[in-house]
């Protein structure tokens, strides 16, 4: 049986991933030039920020996982 922390992670992370994906879908709706006006530099800036935030979040997870793998010296 899965422990409480794992179940809590699955529940919360699933909801948050769904929310991120829905927000990304909504952002995609802004690409419709019949409704919005933008320039290439606007798109580049938006996605630069998104990529930077994603890179930072991935680093948080990687750091947490490698913390567990690091061993301390013991006699």
PDB file of N, CA and C in Angstrom:
ATOM      1  N   UNK A   1       0.840  -1.184   0.000  1.00  0.00           N
ATOM      2  CA  UNK A   1       0.000   0.000   0.000  1.00  0.00           C
ATOM      3  C   UNK A   1       0.889   1.252   0.000  1.00  0.00           C
ATOM      4  N   UNK A   2       0.471   2.233  -0.732  1.00  0.00           N
ATOM      5  CA  UNK A   2       1.242   3.464  -0.819  1.00  0.00           C
ATOM      6  C   UNK A   2       1.136   4.232   0.488  1.00  0.00           C
ATOM      7  N   UNK A   3       2.254   4.876   0.844  1.00  0.00           N
ATOM      8  CA  UNK A   3       2.224   5.631   2.093  1.00  0.00           C
ATOM      9  C   UNK A   3       1.537   6.984   1.894  1.00  0.00           C
ATOM     10  N   UNK A   4       1.283   7.620   2.992  1.00  0.00           N
ATOM     11  CA  UNK A   4       0.498   8.863   3.002  1.00  0.00           C
ATOM     12  C   UNK A   4       1.163   9.983   2.189  1.00  0.00           C
ATOM     13  N   UNK A   5       2.478  10.139   2.304  1.00  0.00           N
ATOM     14  CA  UNK A   5       3.171  11.196   1.561  1.00  0.00           C
ATOM     15  C   UNK A   5       3.044  10.978   0.058  1.00  0.00           C
ATOM     16  N   UNK A   6       3.176   9.728  -0.381  1.00  0.00           N
ATOM     17  CA  UNK A   6       3.068   9.407  -1.806  1.00  0.00           C
ATOM     18  C   UNK A   6       1.665   9.716  -2.312  1.00  0.00           C
ATOM     19  N   UNK A   7       0.656   9.311  -1.561  1.00  0.00           N
ATOM     20  CA  UNK A   7      -0.722   9.567  -1.967  1.00  0.00           C
ATOM     21  C   UNK A   7      -1.013  11.065  -2.028  1.00  0.00           C
ATOM     22  N   UNK A   8      -0.499  11.805  -1.055  1.00  0.00           N
ATOM     23  CA  UNK A   8      -0.689  13.256  -1.038  1.00  0.00           C
ATOM     24  C   UNK A   8      -0.005  13.899  -2.238  1.00  0.00           C
ATOM     25  N   UNK A   9       1.214  13.436  -2.558  1.00  0.00           N
ATOM     26  CA  UNK A   9       1.929  13.951  -3.727  1.00  0.00           C
ATOM     27  C   UNK A   9       1.118  13.702  -4.997  1.00  0.00           C
ATOM     28  N   UNK A  10       0.645  12.484  -5.176  1.00  0.00           N
ATOM     29  CA  UNK A  10      -0.104  12.149  -6.388  1.00  0.00           C
ATOM     30  C   UNK A  10      -1.355  13.000  -6.523  1.00  0.00           C
ATOM     31  N   UNK A  11      -2.053  13.196  -5.424  1.00  0.00           N
ATOM     32  CA  UNK A  11      -3.294  13.975  -5.446  1.00  0.00           C
ATOM     33  C   UNK A  11      -3.017  15.437  -5.784  1.00  0.00           C
ATOM     34  N   UNK A  12      -2.088  16.052  -5.073  1.00  0.00           N
ATOM     35  CA  UNK A  12      -1.791  17.476  -5.254  1.00  0.00           C
ATOM     36  C   UNK A  12      -1.096  17.718  -6.594  1.00  0.00           C
ATOM     37  N   UNK A  13      -0.082  16.929  -6.914  1.00  0.00           N
ATOM     38  CA  UNK A  13       0.670  17.135  -8.152  1.00  0.00           C
ATOM     39  C   UNK A  13      -0.224  16.944  -9.372  1.00  0.00           C
ATOM     40  N   UNK A  14      -1.097  15.961  -9.346  1.00  0.00           N
ATOM     41  CA  UNK A  14      -2.001  15.729 -10.482  1.00  0.00           C
ATOM     42  C   UNK A  14      -2.892  16.940 -10.728  1.00  0.00           C
ATOM     43  N   UNK A  15      -3.446  17.480  -9.672  1.00  0.00           N
ATOM     44  CA  UNK A  15      -4.310  18.660  -9.802  1.00  0.00           C
ATOM     45  C   UNK A  15      -3.522  19.853 -10.337  1.00  0.00           C
ATOM     46  N   UNK A  16      -2.314  20.028  -9.837  1.00  0.00           N
ATOM     47  CA  UNK A  16      -1.507  21.174 -10.258  1.00  0.00           C
ATOM     48  C   UNK A  16      -1.032  21.037 -11.698  1.00  0.00           C
ATOM     49  N   UNK A  17      -0.661  19.829 -12.099  1.00  0.00           N
ATOM     50  CA  UNK A  17      -0.262  19.610 -13.488  1.00  0.00           C
ATOM     51  C   UNK A  17      -1.454  19.872 -14.411  1.00  0.00           C
ATOM     52  N   UNK A  18      -2.621  19.378 -14.042  1.00  0.00           N
ATOM     53  CA  UNK A  18      -3.823  19.641 -14.844  1.00  0.00           C
ATOM     54  C   UNK A  18      -4.074  21.138 -14.978  1.00  0.00           C
ATOM     55  N   UNK A  19      -3.891  21.879 -13.894  1.00  0.00           N
ATOM     56  CA  UNK A  19      -4.114  23.326 -13.909  1.00  0.00           C
ATOM     57  C   UNK A  19      -3.092  24.023 -14.819  1.00  0.00           C
ATOM     58  N   UNK A  20      -1.837  23.590 -14.754  1.00  0.00           N
ATOM     59  CA  UNK A  20      -0.799  24.167 -15.621  1.00  0.00           C
ATOM     60  C   UNK A  20      -1.128  23.889 -17.083  1.00  0.00           C
ATOM     61  N   UNK A  21      -1.500  22.645 -17.395  1.00  0.00           N
ATOM     62  CA  UNK A  21      -1.816  22.283 -18.777  1.00  0.00           C
ATOM     63  C   UNK A  21      -3.016  23.067 -19.301  1.00  0.00           C
ATOM     64  N   UNK A  22      -4.019  23.255 -18.477  1.00  0.00           N
ATOM     65  CA  UNK A  22      -5.189  24.037 -18.881  1.00  0.00           C
ATOM     66  C   UNK A  22      -4.806  25.492 -19.130  1.00  0.00           C
ATOM     67  N   UNK A  23      -3.971  26.044 -18.270  1.00  0.00           N
ATOM     68  CA  UNK A  23      -3.522  27.426 -18.444  1.00  0.00           C
ATOM     69  C   UNK A  23      -2.697  27.563 -19.722  1.00  0.00           C
ATOM     70  N   UNK A  24      -1.878  26.555 -20.010  1.00  0.00           N
ATOM     71  CA  UNK A  24      -1.099  26.583 -21.252  1.00  0.00           C
ATOM     72  C   UNK A  24      -2.026  26.535 -22.466  1.00  0.00           C
ATOM     73  N   UNK A  25      -3.069  25.734 -22.382  1.00  0.00           N
ATOM     74  CA  UNK A  25      -4.037  25.665 -23.468  1.00  0.00           C
ATOM     75  C   UNK A  25      -4.674  27.037 -23.677  1.00  0.00           C
ATOM     76  N   UNK A  26      -5.034  27.695 -22.583  1.00  0.00           N
ATOM     77  CA  UNK A  26      -5.625  29.026 -22.666  1.00  0.00           C
ATOM     78  C   UNK A  26      -4.641  30.034 -23.253  1.00  0.00           C
ATOM     79  N   UNK A  27      -3.381  29.925 -22.879  1.00  0.00           N
ATOM     80  CA  UNK A  27      -2.362  30.799 -23.455  1.00  0.00           C
ATOM     81  C   UNK A  27      -2.272  30.576 -24.960  1.00  0.00           C
ATOM     82  N   UNK A  28      -2.396  29.337 -25.382  1.00  0.00           N
ATOM     83  CA  UNK A  28      -2.393  29.023 -26.808  1.00  0.00           C
ATOM     84  C   UNK A  28      -3.523  29.716 -27.549  1.00  0.00           C
ATOM     85  N   UNK A  29      -4.647  29.913 -26.882  1.00  0.00           N
ATOM     86  CA  UNK A  29      -5.764  30.632 -27.505  1.00  0.00           C
ATOM     87  C   UNK A  29      -5.376  32.060 -27.873  1.00  0.00           C
ATOM     88  N   UNK A  30      -4.424  32.624 -27.173  1.00  0.00           N
ATOM     89  CA  UNK A  30      -3.978  33.999 -27.453  1.00  0.00           C
ATOM     90  C   UNK A  30      -3.218  34.099 -28.775  1.00  0.00           C
ATOM     91  N   UNK A  31      -2.920  32.979 -29.397  1.00  0.00           N
ATOM     92  CA  UNK A  31      -2.196  33.003 -30.671  1.00  0.00           C
ATOM     93  C   UNK A  31      -3.102  33.404 -31.832  1.00  0.00           C
ATOM     94  N   UNK A  32      -4.394  33.428 -31.611  1.00  0.00           N
ATOM     95  CA  UNK A  32      -5.350  33.758 -32.662  1.00  0.00           C
ATOM     96  C   UNK A  32      -5.241  35.239 -33.026  1.00  0.00           C
ATOM     97  N   UNK A  33      -4.694  35.506 -34.211  1.00  0.00           N
ATOM     98  CA  UNK A  33      -4.478  36.905 -34.624  1.00  0.00           C
ATOM     99  C   UNK A  33      -5.766  37.608 -35.033  1.00  0.00           C
ATOM    100  N   UNK A  34      -6.873  36.893 -35.122  1.00  0.00           N
ATOM    101  CA  UNK A  34      -8.162  37.547 -35.338  1.00  0.00           C
ATOM    102  C   UNK A  34      -8.603  38.296 -34.083  1.00  0.00           C
ATOM    103  N   UNK A  35      -8.100  37.837 -32.929  1.00  0.00           N
ATOM    104  CA  UNK A  35      -8.508  38.436 -31.656  1.00  0.00           C
ATOM    105  C   UNK A  35      -7.400  39.215 -30.968  1.00  0.00           C
ATOM    106  N   UNK A  36      -6.150  38.919 -31.290  1.00  0.00           N
ATOM    107  CA  UNK A  36      -5.019  39.507 -30.576  1.00  0.00           C
ATOM    108  C   UNK A  36      -3.956  39.989 -31.551  1.00  0.00           C
ATOM    109  N   UNK A  37      -3.206  40.975 -31.100  1.00  0.00           N
ATOM    110  CA  UNK A  37      -2.086  41.472 -31.899  1.00  0.00           C
ATOM    111  C   UNK A  37      -0.818  41.355 -31.067  1.00  0.00           C
ATOM    112  N   UNK A  38       0.206  40.778 -31.658  1.00  0.00           N
ATOM    113  CA  UNK A  38       1.477  40.600 -30.958  1.00  0.00           C
ATOM    114  C   UNK A  38       2.590  40.496 -31.985  1.00  0.00           C
ATOM    115  N   UNK A  39       3.797  40.623 -31.481  1.00  0.00           N
ATOM    116  CA  UNK A  39       4.968  40.535 -32.348  1.00  0.00           C
ATOM    117  C   UNK A  39       5.817  39.337 -31.934  1.00  0.00           C
ATOM    118  N   UNK A  40       6.730  38.979 -32.805  1.00  0.00           N
ATOM    119  CA  UNK A  40       7.601  37.831 -32.522  1.00  0.00           C
ATOM    120  C   UNK A  40       8.345  38.015 -31.202  1.00  0.00           C
ATOM    121  N   UNK A  41       8.805  39.239 -30.917  1.00  0.00           N
ATOM    122  CA  UNK A  41       9.542  39.486 -29.676  1.00  0.00           C
ATOM    123  C   UNK A  41       8.670  39.236 -28.446  1.00  0.00           C
ATOM    124  N   UNK A  42       7.356  39.471 -28.560  1.00  0.00           N
ATOM    125  CA  UNK A  42       6.439  39.188 -27.453  1.00  0.00           C
ATOM    126  C   UNK A  42       6.385  37.694 -27.164  1.00  0.00           C
ATOM    127  N   UNK A  43       6.298  36.926 -28.244  1.00  0.00           N
ATOM    128  CA  UNK A  43       6.232  35.464 -28.122  1.00  0.00           C
ATOM    129  C   UNK A  43       7.545  34.939 -27.539  1.00  0.00           C
ATOM    130  N   UNK A  44       8.657  35.459 -28.037  1.00  0.00           N
ATOM    131  CA  UNK A  44       9.960  35.036 -27.535  1.00  0.00           C
ATOM    132  C   UNK A  44      10.114  35.344 -26.051  1.00  0.00           C
ATOM    133  N   UNK A  45       9.657  36.519 -25.637  1.00  0.00           N
ATOM    134  CA  UNK A  45       9.735  36.893 -24.223  1.00  0.00           C
ATOM    135  C   UNK A  45       8.868  35.984 -23.355  1.00  0.00           C
ATOM    136  N   UNK A  46       7.643  35.726 -23.803  1.00  0.00           N
ATOM    137  CA  UNK A  46       6.747  34.844 -23.033  1.00  0.00           C
ATOM    138  C   UNK A  46       7.373  33.475 -22.833  1.00  0.00           C
ATOM    139  N   UNK A  47       7.855  32.889 -23.929  1.00  0.00           N
ATOM    140  CA  UNK A  47       8.367  31.529 -23.835  1.00  0.00           C
ATOM    141  C   UNK A  47       9.740  31.463 -23.180  1.00  0.00           C
ATOM    142  N   UNK A  48      10.470  32.538 -23.225  1.00  0.00           N
ATOM    143  CA  UNK A  48      11.727  32.598 -22.481  1.00  0.00           C
ATOM    144  C   UNK A  48      11.444  32.524 -20.978  1.00  0.00           C
ATOM    145  N   UNK A  49      10.437  33.263 -20.542  1.00  0.00           N
ATOM    146  CA  UNK A  49      10.049  33.237 -19.127  1.00  0.00           C
ATOM    147  C   UNK A  49       9.523  31.866 -18.715  1.00  0.00           C
ATOM    148  N   UNK A  50       8.711  31.274 -19.563  1.00  0.00           N
ATOM    149  CA  UNK A  50       8.157  29.950 -19.260  1.00  0.00           C
ATOM    150  C   UNK A  50       9.272  28.913 -19.177  1.00  0.00           C
ATOM    151  N   UNK A  51      10.198  28.948 -20.134  1.00  0.00           N
ATOM    152  CA  UNK A  51      11.316  27.998 -20.126  1.00  0.00           C
ATOM    153  C   UNK A  51      12.190  28.182 -18.889  1.00  0.00           C
ATOM    154  N   UNK A  52      12.414  29.431 -18.502  1.00  0.00           N
ATOM    155  CA  UNK A  52      13.230  29.715 -17.323  1.00  0.00           C
ATOM    156  C   UNK A  52      12.565  29.168 -16.062  1.00  0.00           C
ATOM    157  N   UNK A  53      11.270  29.403 -15.935  1.00  0.00           N
ATOM    158  CA  UNK A  53      10.539  28.903 -14.765  1.00  0.00           C
ATOM    159  C   UNK A  53      10.549  27.376 -14.739  1.00  0.00           C
ATOM    160  N   UNK A  54      10.351  26.745 -15.879  1.00  0.00           N
ATOM    161  CA  UNK A  54      10.356  25.282 -15.945  1.00  0.00           C
ATOM    162  C   UNK A  54      11.729  24.728 -15.582  1.00  0.00           C
ATOM    163  N   UNK A  55      12.770  25.367 -16.089  1.00  0.00           N
ATOM    164  CA  UNK A  55      14.144  24.944 -15.776  1.00  0.00           C
ATOM    165  C   UNK A  55      14.395  25.023 -14.268  1.00  0.00           C
ATOM    166  N   UNK A  56      13.921  26.095 -13.629  1.00  0.00           N
ATOM    167  CA  UNK A  56      14.097  26.251 -12.183  1.00  0.00           C
ATOM    168  C   UNK A  56      13.340  25.184 -11.389  1.00  0.00           C
ATOM    169  N   UNK A  57      12.139  24.862 -11.837  1.00  0.00           N
ATOM    170  CA  UNK A  57      11.337  23.849 -11.136  1.00  0.00           C
ATOM    171  C   UNK A  57      11.975  22.467 -11.288  1.00  0.00           C
ATOM    172  N   UNK A  58      12.460  22.161 -12.480  1.00  0.00           N
ATOM    173  CA  UNK A  58      13.139  20.878 -12.695  1.00  0.00           C
ATOM    174  C   UNK A  58      14.358  20.782 -11.780  1.00  0.00           C
ATOM    175  N   UNK A  59      15.093  21.882 -11.638  1.00  0.00           N
ATOM    176  CA  UNK A  59      16.271  21.899 -10.766  1.00  0.00           C
ATOM    177  C   UNK A  59      15.881  21.628  -9.316  1.00  0.00           C
ATOM    178  N   UNK A  60      14.744  22.164  -8.869  1.00  0.00           N
ATOM    179  CA  UNK A  60      14.281  21.888  -7.504  1.00  0.00           C
ATOM    180  C   UNK A  60      14.081  20.393  -7.279  1.00  0.00           C
ATOM    181  N   UNK A  61      13.420  19.748  -8.235  1.00  0.00           N
ATOM    182  CA  UNK A  61      13.184  18.307  -8.114  1.00  0.00           C
ATOM    183  C   UNK A  61      14.496  17.526  -8.185  1.00  0.00           C
ATOM    184  N   UNK A  62      15.357  17.906  -9.115  1.00  0.00           N
ATOM    185  CA  UNK A  62      16.649  17.227  -9.233  1.00  0.00           C
ATOM    186  C   UNK A  62      17.469  17.363  -7.954  1.00  0.00           C
ATOM    187  N   UNK A  63      17.480  18.565  -7.381  1.00  0.00           N
ATOM    188  CA  UNK A  63      18.228  18.787  -6.138  1.00  0.00           C
ATOM    189  C   UNK A  63      17.698  17.922  -5.002  1.00  0.00           C
ATOM    190  N   UNK A  64      16.391  17.835  -4.891  1.00  0.00           N
ATOM    191  CA  UNK A  64      15.801  17.009  -3.830  1.00  0.00           C
ATOM    192  C   UNK A  64      16.143  15.539  -4.023  1.00  0.00           C
ATOM    193  N   UNK A  65      16.088  15.083  -5.258  1.00  0.00           N
ATOM    194  CA  UNK A  65      16.391  13.668  -5.520  1.00  0.00           C
ATOM    195  C   UNK A  65      17.864  13.358  -5.294  1.00  0.00           C
ATOM    196  N   UNK A  66      18.755  14.263  -5.674  1.00  0.00           N
ATOM    197  CA  UNK A  66      20.182  13.996  -5.480  1.00  0.00           C
ATOM    198  C   UNK A  66      20.582  14.142  -4.020  1.00  0.00           C
ATOM    199  N   UNK A  67      19.844  14.922  -3.243  1.00  0.00           N
ATOM    200  CA  UNK A  67      20.113  15.029  -1.801  1.00  0.00           C
ATOM    201  C   UNK A  67      20.047  13.650  -1.150  1.00  0.00           C
ATOM    202  N   UNK A  68      19.060  12.882  -1.565  1.00  0.00           N
ATOM    203  CA  UNK A  68      18.869  11.544  -1.005  1.00  0.00           C
ATOM    204  C   UNK A  68      19.990  10.603  -1.424  1.00  0.00           C
ATOM    205  N   UNK A  69      20.570  10.855  -2.596  1.00  0.00           N
ATOM    206  CA  UNK A  69      21.611   9.976  -3.113  1.00  0.00           C
ATOM    207  C   UNK A  69      22.985  10.281  -2.521  1.00  0.00           C
ATOM    208  N   UNK A  70      23.181  11.503  -2.039  1.00  0.00           N
ATOM    209  CA  UNK A  70      24.480  11.875  -1.487  1.00  0.00           C
ATOM    210  C   UNK A  70      24.700  11.138  -0.177  1.00  0.00           C
ATOM    211  N   UNK A  71      25.888  10.624  -0.048  1.00  0.00           N
ATOM    212  CA  UNK A  71      26.222   9.895   1.169  1.00  0.00           C
ATOM    213  C   UNK A  71      27.227  10.706   1.959  1.00  0.00           C
ATOM    214  N   UNK A  72      27.099  10.629   3.244  1.00  0.00           N
ATOM    215  CA  UNK A  72      28.039  11.310   4.124  1.00  0.00           C
ATOM    216  C   UNK A  72      29.088  10.304   4.582  1.00  0.00           C
ATOM    217  N   UNK A  73      30.244  10.823   4.827  1.00  0.00           N
ATOM    218  CA  UNK A  73      31.334   9.976   5.290  1.00  0.00           C
ATOM    219  C   UNK A  73      31.030   9.399   6.670  1.00  0.00           C
ATOM    220  N   UNK A  74      31.279   8.100   6.808  1.00  0.00           N
ATOM    221  CA  UNK A  74      31.105   7.408   8.083  1.00  0.00           C
ATOM    222  C   UNK A  74      32.206   6.373   8.230  1.00  0.00           C
ATOM    223  N   UNK A  75      32.648   6.178   9.465  1.00  0.00           N
ATOM    224  CA  UNK A  75      33.589   5.090   9.736  1.00  0.00           C
ATOM    225  C   UNK A  75      32.813   3.844  10.064  1.00  0.00           C
TER     226      UNK A  75
END
